[in-house]
Protein backbone atom coordinates (compact mmCIF):
# COMPACT_ATOMS: atom_id res chain seq x y z
CA MET A 1 -16.56 -27.18 51.43
CA THR A 2 -13.80 -29.49 51.71
CA PRO A 3 -11.02 -28.07 54.06
CA ILE A 4 -7.55 -27.89 52.57
CA SER A 5 -5.15 -30.41 54.30
CA PRO A 6 -2.25 -28.70 56.12
CA LEU A 7 0.27 -30.48 54.15
CA MET A 8 -1.14 -28.93 51.04
CA ARG A 9 -0.71 -25.62 52.39
CA HIS A 10 3.02 -26.04 52.67
CA MET A 11 3.55 -27.74 49.22
CA SER A 12 6.19 -26.19 46.99
CA ALA A 13 5.13 -25.29 43.31
CA ARG A 14 7.00 -28.30 41.92
CA GLU A 15 5.43 -30.50 44.57
CA PHE A 16 1.95 -29.13 43.55
CA ALA A 17 2.83 -29.45 39.77
CA LEU A 18 3.80 -33.10 40.49
CA LEU A 19 0.42 -33.66 42.36
CA GLY A 20 -1.65 -36.29 40.13
CA MET A 21 1.38 -37.08 37.93
CA GLU A 22 0.81 -40.76 38.02
CA ALA A 23 -2.87 -40.79 38.00
CA LEU A 24 -4.15 -38.00 35.44
CA ALA A 25 -3.96 -37.45 31.87
CA TYR A 26 -5.32 -34.36 30.00
CA VAL A 27 -7.26 -34.53 26.72
CA LYS A 28 -6.95 -31.41 24.64
CA PRO A 29 -8.38 -30.65 21.23
CA LYS A 30 -6.21 -29.17 18.41
CA GLN A 31 -6.11 -28.34 14.94
CA GLY A 32 -4.47 -31.16 12.63
CA ASP A 33 -2.57 -30.67 9.49
CA ASP A 34 -5.85 -30.79 7.46
CA ASN A 35 -7.58 -28.31 9.73
CA ALA A 36 -9.60 -30.96 11.25
CA VAL A 37 -9.99 -31.18 15.05
CA ILE A 38 -8.02 -34.03 16.73
CA PHE A 39 -7.05 -34.80 20.32
CA ALA A 40 -3.68 -34.80 22.16
CA ILE A 41 -3.21 -36.67 25.22
CA HIS A 42 -0.91 -35.06 27.79
CA THR A 43 0.79 -36.06 30.92
CA ALA A 44 0.15 -34.29 34.08
CA ASP A 45 3.24 -32.28 33.46
CA GLY A 46 2.12 -31.12 30.23
CA ASN A 47 4.18 -33.44 27.85
CA GLU A 48 2.31 -34.57 24.87
CA VAL A 49 2.30 -38.23 24.60
CA ALA A 50 -0.24 -39.17 21.87
CA VAL A 51 -2.47 -37.61 19.22
CA VAL A 52 -5.80 -39.27 18.26
CA ALA A 53 -8.76 -38.91 15.83
CA ASN A 54 -11.35 -38.14 18.14
CA ARG A 55 -12.38 -37.31 21.79
CA ASP A 56 -13.82 -40.82 22.48
CA LEU A 57 -10.76 -42.59 21.56
CA ALA A 58 -8.61 -40.21 23.64
CA LEU A 59 -10.71 -40.90 26.70
CA ALA A 60 -10.56 -44.75 26.12
CA THR A 61 -6.83 -44.45 25.51
CA VAL A 62 -6.32 -42.78 28.81
CA ARG A 63 -8.65 -45.10 30.81
CA GLN A 64 -6.96 -48.04 29.32
CA ASN A 65 -3.79 -46.94 30.79
CA ASP A 66 -5.53 -46.88 34.20
CA LEU A 67 -5.45 -43.04 34.15
CA ILE A 68 -8.11 -40.48 34.87
CA PRO A 69 -8.87 -38.38 31.90
CA VAL A 70 -9.26 -34.54 32.24
CA SER A 71 -10.59 -32.49 29.47
CA VAL A 72 -8.91 -29.23 28.63
CA HIS A 73 -10.72 -26.75 26.70
């Protein structure tokens, strides 16, 4: 198990929420207007920034923008 850094033990909720802000993007399935499954791309703070037709395209879009994709189920 990896020990927790002393700095992380003293992070505020806001600091924790911003952790990874410039490195991560979340990919989340959602239902489109025609009931098809589409995929939304969200910033680390939860803002939806794009919607694409499939998961592979969502992951490629995130990586193309030098971010690390994280799947949300």
